[in-house]
């Protein structure tokens, strides 16, 4: 029984050591993941900048709409004053 246990332990150790010896594939995988993270970081930065521009454009459009609404109200008030003061 001890011989079988020792043999299983020896096979397990050999498998563990063999798995640790092949680090080239692991290093390539880590480098690949690092490149992907860098690419995604650049994409996120680009999207944040674009979102900032869109937000600024939306605020400018809202301000222009508010100005146009105020000007239209003022013009309507003038027309209402002219119509109420006009007598035939």
PDB file of N, CA and C in Angstrom:
ATOM      1  N   UNK A   1       0.808  -1.177   0.000  1.00  0.00           N
ATOM      2  CA  UNK A   1       0.000   0.000   0.000  1.00  0.00           C
ATOM      3  C   UNK A   1       0.861   1.255   0.000  1.00  0.00           C
ATOM      4  N   UNK A   2       1.945   1.255   0.771  1.00  0.00           N
ATOM      5  CA  UNK A   2       2.843   2.390   0.825  1.00  0.00           C
ATOM      6  C   UNK A   2       3.516   2.644  -0.523  1.00  0.00           C
ATOM      7  N   UNK A   3       3.810   1.539  -1.237  1.00  0.00           N
ATOM      8  CA  UNK A   3       4.451   1.707  -2.548  1.00  0.00           C
ATOM      9  C   UNK A   3       3.509   2.394  -3.521  1.00  0.00           C
ATOM     10  N   UNK A   4       2.220   2.041  -3.463  1.00  0.00           N
ATOM     11  CA  UNK A   4       1.243   2.675  -4.351  1.00  0.00           C
ATOM     12  C   UNK A   4       1.083   4.155  -3.996  1.00  0.00           C
ATOM     13  N   UNK A   5       1.056   4.446  -2.733  1.00  0.00           N
ATOM     14  CA  UNK A   5       0.928   5.819  -2.275  1.00  0.00           C
ATOM     15  C   UNK A   5       2.136   6.639  -2.696  1.00  0.00           C
ATOM     16  N   UNK A   6       3.306   6.067  -2.563  1.00  0.00           N
ATOM     17  CA  UNK A   6       4.540   6.755  -2.968  1.00  0.00           C
ATOM     18  C   UNK A   6       4.559   6.974  -4.476  1.00  0.00           C
ATOM     19  N   UNK A   7       4.059   5.994  -5.224  1.00  0.00           N
ATOM     20  CA  UNK A   7       4.053   6.116  -6.680  1.00  0.00           C
ATOM     21  C   UNK A   7       3.076   7.212  -7.107  1.00  0.00           C
ATOM     22  N   UNK A   8       1.923   7.274  -6.492  1.00  0.00           N
ATOM     23  CA  UNK A   8       0.936   8.318  -6.803  1.00  0.00           C
ATOM     24  C   UNK A   8       1.499   9.691  -6.451  1.00  0.00           C
ATOM     25  N   UNK A   9       2.170   9.779  -5.309  1.00  0.00           N
ATOM     26  CA  UNK A   9       2.778  11.050  -4.910  1.00  0.00           C
ATOM     27  C   UNK A   9       3.879  11.450  -5.884  1.00  0.00           C
ATOM     28  N   UNK A  10       4.662  10.485  -6.343  1.00  0.00           N
ATOM     29  CA  UNK A  10       5.725  10.768  -7.310  1.00  0.00           C
ATOM     30  C   UNK A  10       5.160  11.237  -8.641  1.00  0.00           C
ATOM     31  N   UNK A  11       4.088  10.627  -9.100  1.00  0.00           N
ATOM     32  CA  UNK A  11       3.452  11.043 -10.363  1.00  0.00           C
ATOM     33  C   UNK A  11       2.874  12.454 -10.213  1.00  0.00           C
ATOM     34  N   UNK A  12       2.274  12.715  -9.065  1.00  0.00           N
ATOM     35  CA  UNK A  12       1.703  14.045  -8.825  1.00  0.00           C
ATOM     36  C   UNK A  12       2.798  15.103  -8.808  1.00  0.00           C
ATOM     37  N   UNK A  13       3.920  14.804  -8.158  1.00  0.00           N
ATOM     38  CA  UNK A  13       5.036  15.763  -8.127  1.00  0.00           C
ATOM     39  C   UNK A  13       5.605  15.995  -9.510  1.00  0.00           C
ATOM     40  N   UNK A  14       5.730  14.917 -10.273  1.00  0.00           N
ATOM     41  CA  UNK A  14       6.258  15.047 -11.639  1.00  0.00           C
ATOM     42  C   UNK A  14       5.331  15.914 -12.486  1.00  0.00           C
ATOM     43  N   UNK A  15       4.033  15.711 -12.345  1.00  0.00           N
ATOM     44  CA  UNK A  15       3.070  16.503 -13.108  1.00  0.00           C
ATOM     45  C   UNK A  15       3.144  17.972 -12.700  1.00  0.00           C
ATOM     46  N   UNK A  16       3.286  18.231 -11.414  1.00  0.00           N
ATOM     47  CA  UNK A  16       3.372  19.613 -10.951  1.00  0.00           C
ATOM     48  C   UNK A  16       4.637  20.288 -11.464  1.00  0.00           C
ATOM     49  N   UNK A  17       5.750  19.591 -11.388  1.00  0.00           N
ATOM     50  CA  UNK A  17       7.010  20.162 -11.857  1.00  0.00           C
ATOM     51  C   UNK A  17       7.005  20.337 -13.368  1.00  0.00           C
ATOM     52  N   UNK A  18       6.401  19.414 -14.060  1.00  0.00           N
ATOM     53  CA  UNK A  18       6.317  19.528 -15.518  1.00  0.00           C
ATOM     54  C   UNK A  18       5.441  20.690 -15.935  1.00  0.00           C
ATOM     55  N   UNK A  19       4.398  20.922 -15.195  1.00  0.00           N
ATOM     56  CA  UNK A  19       3.512  22.045 -15.494  1.00  0.00           C
ATOM     57  C   UNK A  19       4.187  23.379 -15.240  1.00  0.00           C
ATOM     58  N   UNK A  20       5.023  23.451 -14.243  1.00  0.00           N
ATOM     59  CA  UNK A  20       5.706  24.699 -13.915  1.00  0.00           C
ATOM     60  C   UNK A  20       6.864  24.984 -14.864  1.00  0.00           C
ATOM     61  N   UNK A  21       7.390  23.964 -15.508  1.00  0.00           N
ATOM     62  CA  UNK A  21       8.556  24.144 -16.363  1.00  0.00           C
ATOM     63  C   UNK A  21       8.203  24.888 -17.644  1.00  0.00           C
ATOM     64  N   UNK A  22       6.960  24.805 -18.128  1.00  0.00           N
ATOM     65  CA  UNK A  22       6.576  25.436 -19.384  1.00  0.00           C
ATOM     66  C   UNK A  22       6.016  26.823 -19.104  1.00  0.00           C
ATOM     67  N   UNK A  23       6.913  27.787 -18.940  1.00  0.00           N
ATOM     68  CA  UNK A  23       6.469  29.148 -18.639  1.00  0.00           C
ATOM     69  C   UNK A  23       6.405  30.031 -19.876  1.00  0.00           C
ATOM     70  N   UNK A  24       6.946  29.568 -21.002  1.00  0.00           N
ATOM     71  CA  UNK A  24       6.917  30.385 -22.220  1.00  0.00           C
ATOM     72  C   UNK A  24       5.487  30.664 -22.658  1.00  0.00           C
ATOM     73  N   UNK A  25       4.652  29.645 -22.654  1.00  0.00           N
ATOM     74  CA  UNK A  25       3.261  29.830 -23.055  1.00  0.00           C
ATOM     75  C   UNK A  25       2.539  30.738 -22.071  1.00  0.00           C
ATOM     76  N   UNK A  26       2.855  30.587 -20.802  1.00  0.00           N
ATOM     77  CA  UNK A  26       2.239  31.424 -19.779  1.00  0.00           C
ATOM     78  C   UNK A  26       2.660  32.880 -19.948  1.00  0.00           C
ATOM     79  N   UNK A  27       3.933  33.103 -20.194  1.00  0.00           N
ATOM     80  CA  UNK A  27       4.425  34.469 -20.399  1.00  0.00           C
ATOM     81  C   UNK A  27       3.803  35.086 -21.641  1.00  0.00           C
ATOM     82  N   UNK A  28       3.658  34.313 -22.703  1.00  0.00           N
ATOM     83  CA  UNK A  28       3.029  34.824 -23.927  1.00  0.00           C
ATOM     84  C   UNK A  28       1.571  35.172 -23.667  1.00  0.00           C
ATOM     85  N   UNK A  29       0.910  34.348 -22.900  1.00  0.00           N
ATOM     86  CA  UNK A  29      -0.491  34.606 -22.570  1.00  0.00           C
ATOM     87  C   UNK A  29      -0.630  35.871 -21.728  1.00  0.00           C
ATOM     88  N   UNK A  30       0.244  36.039 -20.764  1.00  0.00           N
ATOM     89  CA  UNK A  30       0.212  37.234 -19.917  1.00  0.00           C
ATOM     90  C   UNK A  30       0.515  38.484 -20.754  1.00  0.00           C
ATOM     91  N   UNK A  31       1.480  38.391 -21.650  1.00  0.00           N
ATOM     92  CA  UNK A  31       1.802  39.529 -22.520  1.00  0.00           C
ATOM     93  C   UNK A  31       0.615  39.866 -23.412  1.00  0.00           C
ATOM     94  N   UNK A  32      -0.043  38.841 -23.936  1.00  0.00           N
ATOM     95  CA  UNK A  32      -1.212  39.051 -24.787  1.00  0.00           C
ATOM     96  C   UNK A  32      -2.321  39.732 -23.993  1.00  0.00           C
ATOM     97  N   UNK A  33      -2.544  39.268 -22.777  1.00  0.00           N
ATOM     98  CA  UNK A  33      -3.565  39.892 -21.934  1.00  0.00           C
ATOM     99  C   UNK A  33      -3.194  41.336 -21.594  1.00  0.00           C
ATOM    100  N   UNK A  34      -1.926  41.577 -21.355  1.00  0.00           N
ATOM    101  CA  UNK A  34      -1.465  42.943 -21.090  1.00  0.00           C
ATOM    102  C   UNK A  34      -1.726  43.860 -22.269  1.00  0.00           C
ATOM    103  N   UNK A  35      -1.475  43.365 -23.474  1.00  0.00           N
ATOM    104  CA  UNK A  35      -1.746  44.162 -24.672  1.00  0.00           C
ATOM    105  C   UNK A  35      -3.234  44.459 -24.810  1.00  0.00           C
ATOM    106  N   UNK A  36      -4.060  43.458 -24.518  1.00  0.00           N
ATOM    107  CA  UNK A  36      -5.504  43.659 -24.603  1.00  0.00           C
ATOM    108  C   UNK A  36      -5.973  44.686 -23.581  1.00  0.00           C
ATOM    109  N   UNK A  37      -5.412  44.645 -22.369  1.00  0.00           N
ATOM    110  CA  UNK A  37      -5.775  45.615 -21.339  1.00  0.00           C
ATOM    111  C   UNK A  37      -5.370  47.022 -21.784  1.00  0.00           C
ATOM    112  N   UNK A  38      -4.182  47.165 -22.348  1.00  0.00           N
ATOM    113  CA  UNK A  38      -3.734  48.474 -22.836  1.00  0.00           C
ATOM    114  C   UNK A  38      -4.656  48.986 -23.933  1.00  0.00           C
ATOM    115  N   UNK A  39      -5.041  48.101 -24.840  1.00  0.00           N
ATOM    116  CA  UNK A  39      -5.936  48.483 -25.936  1.00  0.00           C
ATOM    117  C   UNK A  39      -7.296  48.918 -25.392  1.00  0.00           C
ATOM    118  N   UNK A  40      -7.822  48.165 -24.444  1.00  0.00           N
ATOM    119  CA  UNK A  40      -9.118  48.529 -23.861  1.00  0.00           C
ATOM    120  C   UNK A  40      -9.030  49.836 -23.072  1.00  0.00           C
ATOM    121  N   UNK A  41      -7.922  50.069 -22.409  1.00  0.00           N
ATOM    122  CA  UNK A  41      -7.746  51.327 -21.677  1.00  0.00           C
ATOM    123  C   UNK A  41      -7.740  52.511 -22.628  1.00  0.00           C
ATOM    124  N   UNK A  42      -7.058  52.360 -23.746  1.00  0.00           N
ATOM    125  CA  UNK A  42      -7.037  53.433 -24.744  1.00  0.00           C
ATOM    126  C   UNK A  42      -8.434  53.667 -25.313  1.00  0.00           C
ATOM    127  N   UNK A  43      -9.157  52.589 -25.548  1.00  0.00           N
ATOM    128  CA  UNK A  43     -10.523  52.714 -26.082  1.00  0.00           C
ATOM    129  C   UNK A  43     -11.444  53.399 -25.071  1.00  0.00           C
ATOM    130  N   UNK A  44     -11.305  53.061 -23.801  1.00  0.00           N
ATOM    131  CA  UNK A  44     -12.120  53.694 -22.759  1.00  0.00           C
ATOM    132  C   UNK A  44     -11.800  55.186 -22.686  1.00  0.00           C
ATOM    133  N   UNK A  45     -10.532  55.541 -22.762  1.00  0.00           N
ATOM    134  CA  UNK A  45     -10.152  56.959 -22.732  1.00  0.00           C
ATOM    135  C   UNK A  45     -10.746  57.701 -23.914  1.00  0.00           C
ATOM    136  N   UNK A  46     -10.695  57.092 -25.077  1.00  0.00           N
ATOM    137  CA  UNK A  46     -11.270  57.700 -26.278  1.00  0.00           C
ATOM    138  C   UNK A  46     -12.780  57.886 -26.125  1.00  0.00           C
ATOM    139  N   UNK A  47     -13.442  56.878 -25.596  1.00  0.00           N
ATOM    140  CA  UNK A  47     -14.897  56.966 -25.412  1.00  0.00           C
ATOM    141  C   UNK A  47     -15.265  58.020 -24.371  1.00  0.00           C
ATOM    142  N   UNK A  48     -14.449  58.155 -23.334  1.00  0.00           N
ATOM    143  CA  UNK A  48     -14.710  59.188 -22.323  1.00  0.00           C
ATOM    144  C   UNK A  48     -14.588  60.575 -22.942  1.00  0.00           C
ATOM    145  N   UNK A  49     -13.577  60.775 -23.766  1.00  0.00           N
ATOM    146  CA  UNK A  49     -13.398  62.070 -24.419  1.00  0.00           C
ATOM    147  C   UNK A  49     -14.570  62.362 -25.357  1.00  0.00           C
ATOM    148  N   UNK A  50     -14.973  61.361 -26.104  1.00  0.00           N
ATOM    149  CA  UNK A  50     -16.105  61.534 -27.025  1.00  0.00           C
ATOM    150  C   UNK A  50     -17.393  61.821 -26.250  1.00  0.00           C
ATOM    151  N   UNK A  51     -17.588  61.136 -25.134  1.00  0.00           N
ATOM    152  CA  UNK A  51     -18.779  61.359 -24.320  1.00  0.00           C
ATOM    153  C   UNK A  51     -18.772  62.782 -23.757  1.00  0.00           C
ATOM    154  N   UNK A  52     -17.610  63.284 -23.386  1.00  0.00           N
ATOM    155  CA  UNK A  52     -17.499  64.654 -22.896  1.00  0.00           C
ATOM    156  C   UNK A  52     -17.886  65.664 -23.962  1.00  0.00           C
ATOM    157  N   UNK A  53     -17.459  65.419 -25.196  1.00  0.00           N
ATOM    158  CA  UNK A  53     -17.817  66.318 -26.299  1.00  0.00           C
ATOM    159  C   UNK A  53     -19.314  66.283 -26.565  1.00  0.00           C
ATOM    160  N   UNK A  54     -19.893  65.091 -26.551  1.00  0.00           N
ATOM    161  CA  UNK A  54     -21.336  64.954 -26.788  1.00  0.00           C
ATOM    162  C   UNK A  54     -22.113  65.656 -25.676  1.00  0.00           C
ATOM    163  N   UNK A  55     -21.663  65.518 -24.457  1.00  0.00           N
ATOM    164  CA  UNK A  55     -22.322  66.173 -23.332  1.00  0.00           C
ATOM    165  C   UNK A  55     -22.257  67.689 -23.467  1.00  0.00           C
ATOM    166  N   UNK A  56     -21.103  68.208 -23.866  1.00  0.00           N
ATOM    167  CA  UNK A  56     -20.963  69.654 -24.061  1.00  0.00           C
ATOM    168  C   UNK A  56     -21.867  70.133 -25.194  1.00  0.00           C
ATOM    169  N   UNK A  57     -21.946  69.366 -26.274  1.00  0.00           N
ATOM    170  CA  UNK A  57     -22.824  69.729 -27.387  1.00  0.00           C
ATOM    171  C   UNK A  57     -24.287  69.729 -26.958  1.00  0.00           C
ATOM    172  N   UNK A  58     -24.669  68.762 -26.137  1.00  0.00           N
ATOM    173  CA  UNK A  58     -26.051  68.690 -25.651  1.00  0.00           C
ATOM    174  C   UNK A  58     -26.370  69.892 -24.765  1.00  0.00           C
ATOM    175  N   UNK A  59     -25.436  70.293 -23.915  1.00  0.00           N
ATOM    176  CA  UNK A  59     -25.658  71.468 -23.068  1.00  0.00           C
ATOM    177  C   UNK A  59     -25.783  72.732 -23.908  1.00  0.00           C
ATOM    178  N   UNK A  60     -24.956  72.846 -24.939  1.00  0.00           N
ATOM    179  CA  UNK A  60     -25.023  74.016 -25.817  1.00  0.00           C
ATOM    180  C   UNK A  60     -26.352  74.042 -26.569  1.00  0.00           C
ATOM    181  N   UNK A  61     -26.810  72.887 -27.030  1.00  0.00           N
ATOM    182  CA  UNK A  61     -28.087  72.819 -27.742  1.00  0.00           C
ATOM    183  C   UNK A  61     -29.236  73.175 -26.803  1.00  0.00           C
ATOM    184  N   UNK A  62     -29.170  72.741 -25.569  1.00  0.00           N
ATOM    185  CA  UNK A  62     -30.218  73.062 -24.597  1.00  0.00           C
ATOM    186  C   UNK A  62     -30.246  74.565 -24.325  1.00  0.00           C
ATOM    187  N   UNK A  63     -29.068  75.155 -24.185  1.00  0.00           N
ATOM    188  CA  UNK A  63     -29.003  76.599 -23.946  1.00  0.00           C
ATOM    189  C   UNK A  63     -29.558  77.371 -25.147  1.00  0.00           C
ATOM    190  N   UNK A  64     -29.237  76.930 -26.348  1.00  0.00           N
ATOM    191  CA  UNK A  64     -29.756  77.595 -27.552  1.00  0.00           C
ATOM    192  C   UNK A  64     -31.271  77.460 -27.631  1.00  0.00           C
ATOM    193  N   UNK A  65     -31.788  76.300 -27.273  1.00  0.00           N
ATOM    194  CA  UNK A  65     -33.241  76.100 -27.287  1.00  0.00           C
ATOM    195  C   UNK A  65     -33.919  76.994 -26.258  1.00  0.00           C
ATOM    196  N   UNK A  66     -33.319  77.120 -25.084  1.00  0.00           N
ATOM    197  CA  UNK A  66     -33.890  77.987 -24.052  1.00  0.00           C
ATOM    198  C   UNK A  66     -33.882  79.447 -24.501  1.00  0.00           C
ATOM    199  N   UNK A  67     -32.797  79.880 -25.147  1.00  0.00           N
ATOM    200  CA  UNK A  67     -32.720  81.244 -25.668  1.00  0.00           C
ATOM    201  C   UNK A  67     -33.787  81.481 -26.729  1.00  0.00           C
ATOM    202  N   UNK A  68     -33.951  80.520 -27.623  1.00  0.00           N
ATOM    203  CA  UNK A  68     -34.955  80.650 -28.681  1.00  0.00           C
ATOM    204  C   UNK A  68     -36.359  80.691 -28.079  1.00  0.00           C
ATOM    205  N   UNK A  69     -36.598  79.893 -27.051  1.00  0.00           N
ATOM    206  CA  UNK A  69     -37.910  79.889 -26.396  1.00  0.00           C
ATOM    207  C   UNK A  69     -38.177  81.240 -25.728  1.00  0.00           C
ATOM    208  N   UNK A  70     -37.178  81.790 -25.063  1.00  0.00           N
ATOM    209  CA  UNK A  70     -37.336  83.093 -24.414  1.00  0.00           C
ATOM    210  C   UNK A  70     -37.583  84.184 -25.444  1.00  0.00           C
ATOM    211  N   UNK A  71     -36.867  84.135 -26.550  1.00  0.00           N
ATOM    212  CA  UNK A  71     -37.048  85.136 -27.615  1.00  0.00           C
ATOM    213  C   UNK A  71     -38.443  85.015 -28.239  1.00  0.00           C
ATOM    214  N   UNK A  72     -38.915  83.788 -28.427  1.00  0.00           N
ATOM    215  CA  UNK A  72     -40.256  83.583 -28.978  1.00  0.00           C
ATOM    216  C   UNK A  72     -41.316  84.117 -28.018  1.00  0.00           C
ATOM    217  N   UNK A  73     -41.144  83.897 -26.730  1.00  0.00           N
ATOM    218  CA  UNK A  73     -42.099  84.416 -25.744  1.00  0.00           C
ATOM    219  C   UNK A  73     -42.112  85.936 -25.767  1.00  0.00           C
ATOM    220  N   UNK A  74     -40.942  86.522 -25.850  1.00  0.00           N
ATOM    221  CA  UNK A  74     -40.852  87.984 -25.894  1.00  0.00           C
ATOM    222  C   UNK A  74     -41.543  88.537 -27.133  1.00  0.00           C
ATOM    223  N   UNK A  75     -41.335  87.878 -28.277  1.00  0.00           N
ATOM    224  CA  UNK A  75     -41.986  88.318 -29.520  1.00  0.00           C
ATOM    225  C   UNK A  75     -43.501  88.159 -29.418  1.00  0.00           C
ATOM    226  N   UNK A  76     -43.962  87.058 -28.837  1.00  0.00           N
ATOM    227  CA  UNK A  76     -45.405  86.859 -28.666  1.00  0.00           C
ATOM    228  C   UNK A  76     -46.006  87.909 -27.736  1.00  0.00           C
ATOM    229  N   UNK A  77     -45.280  88.260 -26.683  1.00  0.00           N
ATOM    230  CA  UNK A  77     -45.764  89.302 -25.775  1.00  0.00           C
ATOM    231  C   UNK A  77     -45.886  90.640 -26.497  1.00  0.00           C
ATOM    232  N   UNK A  78     -44.920  90.960 -27.353  1.00  0.00           N
ATOM    233  CA  UNK A  78     -44.984  92.213 -28.125  1.00  0.00           C
ATOM    234  C   UNK A  78     -46.187  92.217 -29.051  1.00  0.00           C
ATOM    235  N   UNK A  79     -46.405  91.082 -29.725  1.00  0.00           N
ATOM    236  CA  UNK A  79     -47.551  90.978 -30.641  1.00  0.00           C
ATOM    237  C   UNK A  79     -48.853  91.098 -29.866  1.00  0.00           C
ATOM    238  N   UNK A  80     -48.941  90.466 -28.710  1.00  0.00           N
ATOM    239  CA  UNK A  80     -50.144  90.564 -27.873  1.00  0.00           C
ATOM    240  C   UNK A  80     -50.383  92.006 -27.444  1.00  0.00           C
ATOM    241  N   UNK A  81     -49.321  92.728 -27.076  1.00  0.00           N
ATOM    242  CA  UNK A  81     -49.459  94.140 -26.675  1.00  0.00           C
ATOM    243  C   UNK A  81     -49.918  94.990 -27.841  1.00  0.00           C
ATOM    244  N   UNK A  82     -49.395  94.718 -29.026  1.00  0.00           N
ATOM    245  CA  UNK A  82     -49.800  95.488 -30.215  1.00  0.00           C
ATOM    246  C   UNK A  82     -51.268  95.217 -30.542  1.00  0.00           C
ATOM    247  N   UNK A  83     -51.683  93.977 -30.462  1.00  0.00           N
ATOM    248  CA  UNK A  83     -53.056  93.617 -30.802  1.00  0.00           C
ATOM    249  C   UNK A  83     -54.036  94.181 -29.773  1.00  0.00           C
ATOM    250  N   UNK A  84     -53.675  94.230 -28.520  1.00  0.00           N
ATOM    251  CA  UNK A  84     -54.607  94.745 -27.498  1.00  0.00           C
ATOM    252  C   UNK A  84     -54.698  96.248 -27.539  1.00  0.00           C
ATOM    253  N   UNK A  85     -53.647  96.926 -27.993  1.00  0.00           N
ATOM    254  CA  UNK A  85     -53.685  98.389 -28.030  1.00  0.00           C
ATOM    255  C   UNK A  85     -54.262  98.897 -29.361  1.00  0.00           C
ATOM    256  N   UNK A  86     -54.403  98.065 -30.343  1.00  0.00           N
ATOM    257  CA  UNK A  86     -54.911  98.495 -31.648  1.00  0.00           C
ATOM    258  C   UNK A  86     -56.414  98.596 -31.595  1.00  0.00           C
ATOM    259  N   UNK A  87     -56.976  99.743 -31.979  1.00  0.00           N
ATOM    260  CA  UNK A  87     -58.413  99.988 -32.004  1.00  0.00           C
ATOM    261  C   UNK A  87     -58.788 100.489 -33.383  1.00  0.00           C
ATOM    262  N   UNK A  88     -59.899 100.018 -33.872  1.00  0.00           N
ATOM    263  CA  UNK A  88     -60.370 100.463 -35.172  1.00  0.00           C
ATOM    264  C   UNK A  88     -61.258 101.652 -35.045  1.00  0.00           C
TER     265      UNK A  88
END
